[in-house]
């Protein structure tokens, strides 16, 4: 069972994992250096632990202890108990979601391992917004996709904001980063996937026809604003678009993913 440790000093060095959570660059460096990530909220913390991630520690106010008693019973990690005002002073924001947990990251699997049993995968090129990455994972998991592949410059799916928006889908959805950006799509084609890029290219066809009859599908989505690079757009096996009313040419990438996943799942 977790050891309950009462904290009264916001400068306590044992709280280092939880400091300055609003500073994205600082958090990225700290989490990479120490191999950790943070989960926020009772449901997300529980899902992380149930998925087998090992807690380094937990942080919560006294009123949150009962709601996560079952989780606390499964770990020997310390649980730092402090007032809500003190928690806000440490983290830099009002922690209103029930709890925080610092957990150990795992080594990323190989692309081959992620694709081994997959029939439908999402492939993301340079999505830099953590909210969009989390939403993409959530849509993919909800609508029957089996895995996610990310280009090297994509935002971190285990960043606190991504996890929160995705409601912990990253804990159960297999994913990894592509080591080779340049030839990523031809490599997927060679592995037996039909790569379908969402794009406004002149030769794009409605996504319904692009995915029809496809067995192993790799649905390819580009970054916010600029969309896919020319290299990825041209190297995809097919290019597809989502039909919409005149005057609106595109959707936010998270919304487009949800629509495209819904259509593809029914191919």
C-alpha atoms as a PDB file:
ATOM      1  CA  UNK A   1       0.000   0.000   0.000  1.00  0.00           C
ATOM      2  CA  UNK A   2       1.174   3.538  -0.732  1.00  0.00           C
ATOM      3  CA  UNK A   3       2.884   5.387   2.071  1.00  0.00           C
ATOM      4  CA  UNK A   4       0.929   8.548   2.962  1.00  0.00           C
ATOM      5  CA  UNK A   5       3.350  11.443   3.457  1.00  0.00           C
ATOM      6  CA  UNK A   6       1.979  14.737   4.744  1.00  0.00           C
ATOM      7  CA  UNK A   7       3.669  17.778   3.175  1.00  0.00           C
ATOM      8  CA  UNK A   8       3.591  21.313   4.593  1.00  0.00           C
ATOM      9  CA  UNK A   9       6.452  22.963   2.700  1.00  0.00           C
ATOM     10  CA  UNK A  10       5.938  23.749  -1.027  1.00  0.00           C
ATOM     11  CA  UNK A  11       9.720  23.718  -1.473  1.00  0.00           C
ATOM     12  CA  UNK A  12       9.993  20.108  -0.304  1.00  0.00           C
ATOM     13  CA  UNK A  13      12.432  18.481  -2.762  1.00  0.00           C
ATOM     14  CA  UNK A  14      10.309  15.319  -2.880  1.00  0.00           C
ATOM     15  CA  UNK A  15       7.748  17.287  -4.925  1.00  0.00           C
ATOM     16  CA  UNK A  16      10.167  17.955  -7.806  1.00  0.00           C
ATOM     17  CA  UNK A  17       8.146  15.854 -10.288  1.00  0.00           C
ATOM     18  CA  UNK A  18       5.152  18.173  -9.868  1.00  0.00           C
ATOM     19  CA  UNK A  19       6.673  21.621 -10.181  1.00  0.00           C
ATOM     20  CA  UNK A  20       5.882  24.227 -12.848  1.00  0.00           C
ATOM     21  CA  UNK A  21       3.401  22.121 -14.799  1.00  0.00           C
ATOM     22  CA  UNK A  22       2.409  25.073 -17.004  1.00  0.00           C
ATOM     23  CA  UNK A  23       5.958  25.512 -18.340  1.00  0.00           C
ATOM     24  CA  UNK A  24       5.844  23.226 -21.398  1.00  0.00           C
ATOM     25  CA  UNK A  25       9.525  23.431 -22.355  1.00  0.00           C
ATOM     26  CA  UNK A  26      10.720  22.948 -18.790  1.00  0.00           C
ATOM     27  CA  UNK A  27       8.422  19.962 -18.339  1.00  0.00           C
ATOM     28  CA  UNK A  28       9.551  18.385 -21.610  1.00  0.00           C
ATOM     29  CA  UNK A  29      13.168  18.562 -20.515  1.00  0.00           C
ATOM     30  CA  UNK A  30      12.489  17.329 -16.993  1.00  0.00           C
ATOM     31  CA  UNK A  31      10.281  14.427 -18.069  1.00  0.00           C
ATOM     32  CA  UNK A  32      12.746  13.297 -20.716  1.00  0.00           C
ATOM     33  CA  UNK A  33      15.680  13.501 -18.302  1.00  0.00           C
ATOM     34  CA  UNK A  34      14.000  11.505 -15.543  1.00  0.00           C
ATOM     35  CA  UNK A  35      11.881   9.184 -17.697  1.00  0.00           C
ATOM     36  CA  UNK A  36       8.561  10.161 -16.188  1.00  0.00           C
ATOM     37  CA  UNK A  37       5.148  11.471 -17.157  1.00  0.00           C
ATOM     38  CA  UNK A  38       2.221  12.892 -15.208  1.00  0.00           C
ATOM     39  CA  UNK A  39      -1.385  11.746 -15.096  1.00  0.00           C
ATOM     40  CA  UNK A  40      -4.065  14.140 -13.889  1.00  0.00           C
ATOM     41  CA  UNK A  41      -7.474  13.252 -12.485  1.00  0.00           C
ATOM     42  CA  UNK A  42      -8.945  10.249 -10.740  1.00  0.00           C
ATOM     43  CA  UNK A  43     -10.006   8.401 -13.917  1.00  0.00           C
ATOM     44  CA  UNK A  44      -6.753   9.001 -15.783  1.00  0.00           C
ATOM     45  CA  UNK A  45      -4.560   8.047 -12.821  1.00  0.00           C
ATOM     46  CA  UNK A  46      -6.539   4.827 -12.375  1.00  0.00           C
ATOM     47  CA  UNK A  47      -6.308   3.995 -16.084  1.00  0.00           C
ATOM     48  CA  UNK A  48      -2.542   4.533 -16.086  1.00  0.00           C
ATOM     49  CA  UNK A  49      -2.026   2.201 -13.134  1.00  0.00           C
ATOM     50  CA  UNK A  50      -4.451  -0.389 -14.521  1.00  0.00           C
ATOM     51  CA  UNK A  51      -2.489  -0.326 -17.799  1.00  0.00           C
ATOM     52  CA  UNK A  52       0.597  -1.381 -15.863  1.00  0.00           C
ATOM     53  CA  UNK A  53       2.542   1.889 -15.597  1.00  0.00           C
ATOM     54  CA  UNK A  54       4.587   2.077 -12.405  1.00  0.00           C
ATOM     55  CA  UNK A  55       3.941   5.075 -10.114  1.00  0.00           C
ATOM     56  CA  UNK A  56       6.928   7.027  -8.859  1.00  0.00           C
ATOM     57  CA  UNK A  57       4.646   8.945  -6.507  1.00  0.00           C
ATOM     58  CA  UNK A  58       1.167  10.441  -6.189  1.00  0.00           C
ATOM     59  CA  UNK A  59       0.021  13.861  -5.008  1.00  0.00           C
ATOM     60  CA  UNK A  60      -3.424  14.696  -3.629  1.00  0.00           C
ATOM     61  CA  UNK A  61      -5.392  16.633  -1.045  1.00  0.00           C
ATOM     62  CA  UNK A  62      -6.951  14.685   1.859  1.00  0.00           C
ATOM     63  CA  UNK A  63     -10.448  14.745   0.340  1.00  0.00           C
ATOM     64  CA  UNK A  64      -9.193  12.794  -2.700  1.00  0.00           C
ATOM     65  CA  UNK A  65      -7.797   9.809  -0.773  1.00  0.00           C
ATOM     66  CA  UNK A  66     -10.992   7.761  -0.563  1.00  0.00           C
ATOM     67  CA  UNK A  67     -11.708   7.958  -4.294  1.00  0.00           C
ATOM     68  CA  UNK A  68      -8.349   6.406  -5.148  1.00  0.00           C
ATOM     69  CA  UNK A  69      -8.031   4.056  -2.197  1.00  0.00           C
ATOM     70  CA  UNK A  70      -8.076   1.040  -4.520  1.00  0.00           C
ATOM     71  CA  UNK A  71      -5.196   2.456  -6.565  1.00  0.00           C
ATOM     72  CA  UNK A  72      -3.194   3.371  -3.464  1.00  0.00           C
ATOM     73  CA  UNK A  73      -3.558  -0.221  -2.306  1.00  0.00           C
ATOM     74  CA  UNK A  74      -1.692  -1.494  -5.387  1.00  0.00           C
ATOM     75  CA  UNK A  75       1.566   0.445  -5.010  1.00  0.00           C
ATOM     76  CA  UNK A  76       4.326   1.134  -2.517  1.00  0.00           C
ATOM     77  CA  UNK A  77       5.063   4.544  -4.018  1.00  0.00           C
ATOM     78  CA  UNK A  78       4.719   7.536  -1.680  1.00  0.00           C
ATOM     79  CA  UNK A  79       1.500   9.528  -1.799  1.00  0.00           C
ATOM     80  CA  UNK A  80       2.148  13.148  -0.909  1.00  0.00           C
ATOM     81  CA  UNK A  81      -0.841  14.610   0.940  1.00  0.00           C
ATOM     82  CA  UNK A  82      -1.122  18.381   1.045  1.00  0.00           C
ATOM     83  CA  UNK A  83      -3.712  21.127   1.043  1.00  0.00           C
ATOM     84  CA  UNK A  84      -5.241  22.280  -2.220  1.00  0.00           C
ATOM     85  CA  UNK A  85      -3.678  25.711  -1.783  1.00  0.00           C
ATOM     86  CA  UNK A  86      -0.273  24.143  -1.341  1.00  0.00           C
ATOM     87  CA  UNK A  87      -0.796  21.870  -4.359  1.00  0.00           C
ATOM     88  CA  UNK A  88      -1.606  24.913  -6.488  1.00  0.00           C
ATOM     89  CA  UNK A  89       1.543  26.647  -5.252  1.00  0.00           C
ATOM     90  CA  UNK A  90       3.660  23.654  -6.255  1.00  0.00           C
ATOM     91  CA  UNK A  91       2.099  22.895  -9.644  1.00  0.00           C
ATOM     92  CA  UNK A  92       1.223  26.403 -10.809  1.00  0.00           C
ATOM     93  CA  UNK A  93      -2.497  25.735 -11.338  1.00  0.00           C
ATOM     94  CA  UNK A  94      -5.590  24.694  -9.390  1.00  0.00           C
ATOM     95  CA  UNK A  95      -5.567  20.909  -9.201  1.00  0.00           C
ATOM     96  CA  UNK A  96      -9.287  20.221  -9.376  1.00  0.00           C
ATOM     97  CA  UNK A  97      -9.333  16.824 -11.104  1.00  0.00           C
ATOM     98  CA  UNK A  98      -8.854  14.695  -8.013  1.00  0.00           C
ATOM     99  CA  UNK A  99      -5.199  13.711  -8.079  1.00  0.00           C
ATOM    100  CA  UNK A 100      -1.855  13.757  -9.808  1.00  0.00           C
ATOM    101  CA  UNK A 101       0.522  10.869 -10.294  1.00  0.00           C
ATOM    102  CA  UNK A 102       4.086  10.719 -11.565  1.00  0.00           C
ATOM    103  CA  UNK A 103       4.707   7.467 -13.446  1.00  0.00           C
ATOM    104  CA  UNK A 104       7.649   5.804 -15.141  1.00  0.00           C
ATOM    105  CA  UNK A 105       7.851   5.905 -18.926  1.00  0.00           C
ATOM    106  CA  UNK A 106       8.486   2.730 -20.886  1.00  0.00           C
ATOM    107  CA  UNK A 107      10.882   2.250 -23.762  1.00  0.00           C
ATOM    108  CA  UNK A 108       9.056   2.731 -27.054  1.00  0.00           C
ATOM    109  CA  UNK A 109       8.441  -0.441 -29.065  1.00  0.00           C
ATOM    110  CA  UNK A 110       9.707  -0.874 -32.603  1.00  0.00           C
ATOM    111  CA  UNK A 111       7.521   0.060 -35.564  1.00  0.00           C
ATOM    112  CA  UNK A 112       7.384  -3.611 -36.546  1.00  0.00           C
ATOM    113  CA  UNK A 113       6.077  -4.597 -33.121  1.00  0.00           C
ATOM    114  CA  UNK A 114       3.369  -1.926 -33.199  1.00  0.00           C
ATOM    115  CA  UNK A 115       2.240  -2.963 -36.680  1.00  0.00           C
ATOM    116  CA  UNK A 116       2.397  -6.727 -36.165  1.00  0.00           C
ATOM    117  CA  UNK A 117      -1.281  -7.271 -35.367  1.00  0.00           C
ATOM    118  CA  UNK A 118      -2.658  -3.973 -36.682  1.00  0.00           C
ATOM    119  CA  UNK A 119      -5.203  -3.611 -39.462  1.00  0.00           C
ATOM    120  CA  UNK A 120      -5.897   0.122 -39.128  1.00  0.00           C
ATOM    121  CA  UNK A 121      -3.297   2.663 -38.015  1.00  0.00           C
ATOM    122  CA  UNK A 122      -3.072   6.428 -37.760  1.00  0.00           C
ATOM    123  CA  UNK A 123       0.110   8.097 -38.998  1.00  0.00           C
ATOM    124  CA  UNK A 124       0.760  11.648 -37.764  1.00  0.00           C
ATOM    125  CA  UNK A 125       3.193  14.077 -39.344  1.00  0.00           C
ATOM    126  CA  UNK A 126       4.330  17.002 -37.191  1.00  0.00           C
ATOM    127  CA  UNK A 127       1.239  17.546 -35.049  1.00  0.00           C
ATOM    128  CA  UNK A 128       2.725  19.926 -32.493  1.00  0.00           C
ATOM    129  CA  UNK A 129      -0.334  20.702 -30.385  1.00  0.00           C
ATOM    130  CA  UNK A 130      -0.658  18.401 -27.381  1.00  0.00           C
ATOM    131  CA  UNK A 131      -4.433  18.816 -27.325  1.00  0.00           C
ATOM    132  CA  UNK A 132      -4.765  17.625 -30.922  1.00  0.00           C
ATOM    133  CA  UNK A 133      -2.505  14.638 -30.321  1.00  0.00           C
ATOM    134  CA  UNK A 134      -4.583  13.586 -27.329  1.00  0.00           C
ATOM    135  CA  UNK A 135      -7.825  13.997 -29.280  1.00  0.00           C
ATOM    136  CA  UNK A 136      -6.450  11.926 -32.180  1.00  0.00           C
ATOM    137  CA  UNK A 137      -5.571   9.070 -29.823  1.00  0.00           C
ATOM    138  CA  UNK A 138      -9.025   9.225 -28.275  1.00  0.00           C
ATOM    139  CA  UNK A 139     -10.820   9.149 -31.636  1.00  0.00           C
ATOM    140  CA  UNK A 140      -8.642   6.350 -32.949  1.00  0.00           C
ATOM    141  CA  UNK A 141      -9.183   4.215 -29.865  1.00  0.00           C
ATOM    142  CA  UNK A 142     -12.928   4.860 -29.803  1.00  0.00           C
ATOM    143  CA  UNK A 143     -13.456   4.105 -33.498  1.00  0.00           C
ATOM    144  CA  UNK A 144     -11.529   0.887 -33.842  1.00  0.00           C
ATOM    145  CA  UNK A 145      -8.011   1.846 -34.926  1.00  0.00           C
ATOM    146  CA  UNK A 146      -5.246  -0.398 -33.656  1.00  0.00           C
ATOM    147  CA  UNK A 147      -2.149   1.789 -33.381  1.00  0.00           C
ATOM    148  CA  UNK A 148      -0.609   5.232 -33.901  1.00  0.00           C
ATOM    149  CA  UNK A 149       2.708   6.145 -35.525  1.00  0.00           C
ATOM    150  CA  UNK A 150       4.218   9.600 -35.014  1.00  0.00           C
ATOM    151  CA  UNK A 151       6.842  11.487 -36.966  1.00  0.00           C
ATOM    152  CA  UNK A 152       9.867  12.587 -34.908  1.00  0.00           C
ATOM    153  CA  UNK A 153       8.581  16.156 -34.460  1.00  0.00           C
ATOM    154  CA  UNK A 154       5.088  15.297 -33.207  1.00  0.00           C
ATOM    155  CA  UNK A 155       4.076  16.435 -29.723  1.00  0.00           C
ATOM    156  CA  UNK A 156       4.481  13.985 -26.863  1.00  0.00           C
ATOM    157  CA  UNK A 157       1.412  11.754 -26.361  1.00  0.00           C
ATOM    158  CA  UNK A 158       2.456  11.291 -22.722  1.00  0.00           C
ATOM    159  CA  UNK A 159       2.503  15.007 -21.965  1.00  0.00           C
ATOM    160  CA  UNK A 160      -0.055  15.772 -19.244  1.00  0.00           C
ATOM    161  CA  UNK A 161      -2.351  17.782 -21.530  1.00  0.00           C
ATOM    162  CA  UNK A 162      -2.349  15.087 -24.230  1.00  0.00           C
ATOM    163  CA  UNK A 163      -3.204  12.384 -21.715  1.00  0.00           C
ATOM    164  CA  UNK A 164      -5.979  14.471 -20.180  1.00  0.00           C
ATOM    165  CA  UNK A 165      -7.661  15.284 -23.511  1.00  0.00           C
ATOM    166  CA  UNK A 166      -7.315  11.687 -24.668  1.00  0.00           C
ATOM    167  CA  UNK A 167      -8.738  10.366 -21.366  1.00  0.00           C
ATOM    168  CA  UNK A 168      -5.831   7.960 -21.101  1.00  0.00           C
ATOM    169  CA  UNK A 169      -6.267   6.341 -24.546  1.00  0.00           C
ATOM    170  CA  UNK A 170      -2.476   6.488 -24.935  1.00  0.00           C
ATOM    171  CA  UNK A 171      -2.154   3.907 -22.152  1.00  0.00           C
ATOM    172  CA  UNK A 172      -3.884   1.176 -24.159  1.00  0.00           C
ATOM    173  CA  UNK A 173      -3.337   2.226 -27.791  1.00  0.00           C
ATOM    174  CA  UNK A 174      -0.031   0.831 -29.140  1.00  0.00           C
ATOM    175  CA  UNK A 175       2.159   3.639 -30.487  1.00  0.00           C
ATOM    176  CA  UNK A 176       5.694   4.604 -31.318  1.00  0.00           C
ATOM    177  CA  UNK A 177       7.747   7.156 -33.247  1.00  0.00           C
ATOM    178  CA  UNK A 178       8.925   6.639 -36.792  1.00  0.00           C
ATOM    179  CA  UNK A 179      12.736   6.648 -36.894  1.00  0.00           C
ATOM    180  CA  UNK A 180      12.824   7.547 -40.595  1.00  0.00           C
ATOM    181  CA  UNK A 181      10.596  10.452 -41.627  1.00  0.00           C
ATOM    182  CA  UNK A 182      11.648  10.583 -45.279  1.00  0.00           C
ATOM    183  CA  UNK A 183      10.706   7.060 -46.373  1.00  0.00           C
ATOM    184  CA  UNK A 184       8.068   6.381 -43.732  1.00  0.00           C
ATOM    185  CA  UNK A 185       5.100   5.989 -46.082  1.00  0.00           C
ATOM    186  CA  UNK A 186       6.811   3.808 -48.725  1.00  0.00           C
ATOM    187  CA  UNK A 187       8.007   1.603 -45.884  1.00  0.00           C
ATOM    188  CA  UNK A 188       4.426   1.204 -44.671  1.00  0.00           C
ATOM    189  CA  UNK A 189       3.320   0.341 -48.207  1.00  0.00           C
ATOM    190  CA  UNK A 190       6.027  -2.312 -48.398  1.00  0.00           C
ATOM    191  CA  UNK A 191       4.726  -3.722 -45.110  1.00  0.00           C
ATOM    192  CA  UNK A 192       1.323  -4.294 -46.696  1.00  0.00           C
ATOM    193  CA  UNK A 193      -0.538  -1.135 -45.726  1.00  0.00           C
ATOM    194  CA  UNK A 194      -2.400   1.136 -48.114  1.00  0.00           C
ATOM    195  CA  UNK A 195      -1.454   4.676 -47.121  1.00  0.00           C
ATOM    196  CA  UNK A 196      -4.304   7.163 -47.503  1.00  0.00           C
ATOM    197  CA  UNK A 197      -3.379  10.807 -46.931  1.00  0.00           C
ATOM    198  CA  UNK A 198      -5.988  13.366 -45.925  1.00  0.00           C
ATOM    199  CA  UNK A 199      -5.199  16.357 -48.120  1.00  0.00           C
ATOM    200  CA  UNK A 200      -6.719  18.979 -50.402  1.00  0.00           C
ATOM    201  CA  UNK A 201      -4.477  17.904 -53.311  1.00  0.00           C
ATOM    202  CA  UNK A 202      -6.037  18.192 -56.749  1.00  0.00           C
ATOM    203  CA  UNK A 203      -6.170  14.421 -57.217  1.00  0.00           C
ATOM    204  CA  UNK A 204      -7.846  13.730 -53.864  1.00  0.00           C
ATOM    205  CA  UNK A 205     -10.965  11.577 -53.933  1.00  0.00           C
ATOM    206  CA  UNK A 206     -13.741  11.287 -51.340  1.00  0.00           C
ATOM    207  CA  UNK A 207     -12.466   9.318 -48.380  1.00  0.00           C
ATOM    208  CA  UNK A 208     -15.312   6.841 -48.707  1.00  0.00           C
ATOM    209  CA  UNK A 209     -13.938   5.653 -52.058  1.00  0.00           C
ATOM    210  CA  UNK A 210     -10.290   5.946 -50.989  1.00  0.00           C
ATOM    211  CA  UNK A 211     -10.696   3.419 -48.172  1.00  0.00           C
ATOM    212  CA  UNK A 212     -13.188   1.115 -49.884  1.00  0.00           C
ATOM    213  CA  UNK A 213     -11.854  -2.425 -50.150  1.00  0.00           C
ATOM    214  CA  UNK A 214      -8.659  -1.614 -48.241  1.00  0.00           C
ATOM    215  CA  UNK A 215      -7.529  -4.386 -45.923  1.00  0.00           C
ATOM    216  CA  UNK A 216      -4.642  -2.879 -43.949  1.00  0.00           C
ATOM    217  CA  UNK A 217      -5.089   0.887 -43.807  1.00  0.00           C
ATOM    218  CA  UNK A 218      -2.663   3.611 -42.740  1.00  0.00           C
ATOM    219  CA  UNK A 219      -4.565   6.894 -42.462  1.00  0.00           C
ATOM    220  CA  UNK A 220      -2.100   9.788 -42.766  1.00  0.00           C
ATOM    221  CA  UNK A 221      -2.703  13.228 -41.229  1.00  0.00           C
ATOM    222  CA  UNK A 222      -0.598  16.382 -41.352  1.00  0.00           C
ATOM    223  CA  UNK A 223       0.203  19.139 -38.906  1.00  0.00           C
ATOM    224  CA  UNK A 224      -1.957  22.028 -37.851  1.00  0.00           C
ATOM    225  CA  UNK A 225      -2.289  24.814 -40.406  1.00  0.00           C
ATOM    226  CA  UNK A 226       0.047  23.642 -43.175  1.00  0.00           C
ATOM    227  CA  UNK A 227      -1.151  20.039 -43.396  1.00  0.00           C
ATOM    228  CA  UNK A 228       1.027  17.316 -44.858  1.00  0.00           C
ATOM    229  CA  UNK A 229       4.467  17.957 -46.298  1.00  0.00           C
ATOM    230  CA  UNK A 230       4.732  17.641 -50.076  1.00  0.00           C
ATOM    231  CA  UNK A 231       6.939  14.561 -49.616  1.00  0.00           C
ATOM    232  CA  UNK A 232       4.348  12.679 -47.569  1.00  0.00           C
ATOM    233  CA  UNK A 233       1.450  13.907 -49.679  1.00  0.00           C
ATOM    234  CA  UNK A 234       3.040  12.608 -52.880  1.00  0.00           C
ATOM    235  CA  UNK A 235       4.413   9.358 -51.444  1.00  0.00           C
ATOM    236  CA  UNK A 236       1.043   8.196 -50.104  1.00  0.00           C
ATOM    237  CA  UNK A 237      -0.680   5.480 -52.116  1.00  0.00           C
ATOM    238  CA  UNK A 238      -3.908   7.470 -52.230  1.00  0.00           C
ATOM    239  CA  UNK A 239      -5.027  10.996 -51.413  1.00  0.00           C
ATOM    240  CA  UNK A 240      -8.438  11.641 -49.893  1.00  0.00           C
ATOM    241  CA  UNK A 241     -10.644  14.454 -48.713  1.00  0.00           C
ATOM    242  CA  UNK A 242     -13.745  14.833 -46.561  1.00  0.00           C
ATOM    243  CA  UNK A 243     -16.606  16.355 -48.516  1.00  0.00           C
ATOM    244  CA  UNK A 244     -18.071  19.498 -46.962  1.00  0.00           C
ATOM    245  CA  UNK A 245     -20.158  22.522 -47.835  1.00  0.00           C
ATOM    246  CA  UNK A 246     -18.711  25.184 -50.148  1.00  0.00           C
ATOM    247  CA  UNK A 247     -16.817  27.926 -48.395  1.00  0.00           C
ATOM    248  CA  UNK A 248     -15.255  25.610 -45.792  1.00  0.00           C
ATOM    249  CA  UNK A 249     -12.290  23.687 -47.165  1.00  0.00           C
ATOM    250  CA  UNK A 250     -11.041  21.837 -44.102  1.00  0.00           C
ATOM    251  CA  UNK A 251     -11.547  20.787 -40.493  1.00  0.00           C
ATOM    252  CA  UNK A 252      -9.304  20.980 -37.476  1.00  0.00           C
ATOM    253  CA  UNK A 253      -7.046  17.918 -37.579  1.00  0.00           C
ATOM    254  CA  UNK A 254      -8.660  16.418 -34.490  1.00  0.00           C
ATOM    255  CA  UNK A 255     -12.147  16.769 -35.971  1.00  0.00           C
ATOM    256  CA  UNK A 256     -10.979  15.458 -39.354  1.00  0.00           C
ATOM    257  CA  UNK A 257      -9.477  12.428 -37.641  1.00  0.00           C
ATOM    258  CA  UNK A 258     -12.748  11.595 -35.924  1.00  0.00           C
ATOM    259  CA  UNK A 259     -14.707  11.821 -39.188  1.00  0.00           C
ATOM    260  CA  UNK A 260     -12.129   9.867 -41.179  1.00  0.00           C
ATOM    261  CA  UNK A 261     -11.821   7.142 -38.516  1.00  0.00           C
ATOM    262  CA  UNK A 262     -15.613   6.736 -38.433  1.00  0.00           C
ATOM    263  CA  UNK A 263     -15.740   6.278 -42.208  1.00  0.00           C
ATOM    264  CA  UNK A 264     -12.692   4.028 -42.370  1.00  0.00           C
ATOM    265  CA  UNK A 265     -13.907   1.773 -39.582  1.00  0.00           C
ATOM    266  CA  UNK A 266     -16.954   0.935 -41.712  1.00  0.00           C
ATOM    267  CA  UNK A 267     -15.073   0.153 -44.906  1.00  0.00           C
END
